[in-house]
Amino acid sequence: MKQGRGRWTSFYPTGEKLAEGRYEDNQPEGPWRMYHRSGNLAAEGRFAGGTRVGRWHFYYDTPARTKMAVGSFGGDGT
């Protein structure tokens, strides 16, 4: 990441991937994915201006990506 923009990957303190996506102007932007410590997908959706927006999918900690919930966030993150 340079000058507050670019691809970003964050990790749990123990080294497993926690989240990945892009930053623009020092804020999350566009599609993002979050992971359980096991490496299984935990959530996926979009950010706009650092706020969760639109449809998000949340998954149980299983390799099969069993959906836990699906919801939508408004432009203000609610």
Protein backbone atom coordinates (compact mmCIF):
# COMPACT_ATOMS: atom_id res chain seq x y z
CA MET A 1 0.00 0.00 0.00
CA LYS A 2 1.40 3.41 -0.98
CA GLN A 3 0.07 6.83 -0.08
CA GLY A 4 -3.08 5.39 1.48
CA ARG A 5 -4.13 3.24 -1.47
CA GLY A 6 -3.61 -0.25 -2.83
CA ARG A 7 -4.21 -3.90 -1.98
CA TRP A 8 -4.33 -4.73 1.71
CA THR A 9 -4.10 -8.00 3.61
CA SER A 10 -4.25 -8.14 7.39
CA PHE A 11 -3.39 -11.10 9.61
CA TYR A 12 -4.27 -12.48 13.02
CA PRO A 13 -1.38 -12.18 15.54
CA THR A 14 -0.71 -15.90 14.97
CA GLY A 15 -0.23 -15.40 11.21
CA GLU A 16 -3.51 -16.55 9.67
CA LYS A 17 -5.15 -14.23 7.14
CA LEU A 18 -7.84 -12.00 8.69
CA ALA A 19 -9.02 -9.76 5.83
CA GLU A 20 -8.18 -8.66 2.29
CA GLY A 21 -9.33 -5.88 0.01
CA ARG A 22 -8.33 -2.44 -1.28
CA TYR A 23 -7.76 0.93 0.32
CA GLU A 24 -8.37 4.34 -1.29
CA ASP A 25 -7.62 7.56 0.60
CA ASN A 26 -6.69 5.50 3.70
CA GLN A 27 -10.13 3.82 3.86
CA PRO A 28 -11.44 0.40 2.82
CA GLU A 29 -13.01 0.56 -0.65
CA GLY A 30 -14.65 -1.97 -2.97
CA PRO A 31 -14.95 -5.72 -2.39
CA TRP A 32 -13.55 -7.16 0.83
CA ARG A 33 -13.30 -10.63 2.36
CA MET A 34 -12.87 -11.51 6.04
CA TYR A 35 -11.68 -14.90 7.28
CA HIS A 36 -12.06 -17.10 10.32
CA ARG A 37 -8.79 -18.02 12.01
CA SER A 38 -9.18 -21.47 10.39
CA GLY A 39 -8.84 -19.88 6.94
CA ASN A 40 -12.50 -20.39 6.05
CA LEU A 41 -14.37 -17.40 4.64
CA ALA A 42 -16.23 -15.48 7.38
CA ALA A 43 -17.78 -12.58 5.43
CA GLU A 44 -17.72 -10.86 2.07
CA GLY A 45 -19.13 -7.59 0.82
CA ARG A 46 -18.26 -4.05 -0.24
CA PHE A 47 -16.98 -0.87 1.39
CA ALA A 48 -17.53 2.68 0.15
CA GLY A 49 -15.58 5.48 1.81
CA GLY A 50 -14.64 3.20 4.71
CA THR A 51 -18.24 2.11 5.43
CA ARG A 52 -19.86 -1.27 4.77
CA VAL A 53 -22.50 -0.86 2.08
CA GLY A 54 -24.82 -3.07 0.07
CA ARG A 55 -25.29 -6.79 0.44
CA TRP A 56 -22.98 -8.72 2.78
CA HIS A 57 -22.79 -12.50 3.27
CA PHE A 58 -21.66 -14.03 6.59
CA TYR A 59 -20.56 -17.67 6.89
CA TYR A 60 -20.15 -20.28 9.59
CA ASP A 61 -16.63 -21.53 10.14
CA THR A 62 -16.91 -24.47 7.72
CA PRO A 63 -15.11 -25.28 4.46
CA ALA A 64 -18.52 -25.55 2.74
CA ARG A 65 -19.20 -21.79 3.20
CA THR A 66 -22.50 -22.45 4.94
CA LYS A 67 -24.32 -19.12 5.13
CA MET A 68 -25.05 -17.78 8.59
CA ALA A 69 -26.73 -14.56 7.45
CA VAL A 70 -27.21 -12.23 4.50
CA GLY A 71 -27.96 -8.59 5.02
CA SER A 72 -27.72 -5.17 3.48
CA PHE A 73 -26.03 -2.06 4.80
CA GLY A 74 -27.22 1.42 3.89
CA GLY A 75 -24.92 4.22 2.76
CA ASP A 76 -24.31 5.18 6.40
CA GLY A 77 -23.36 1.61 7.42
CA THR A 78 -26.64 0.78 9.17
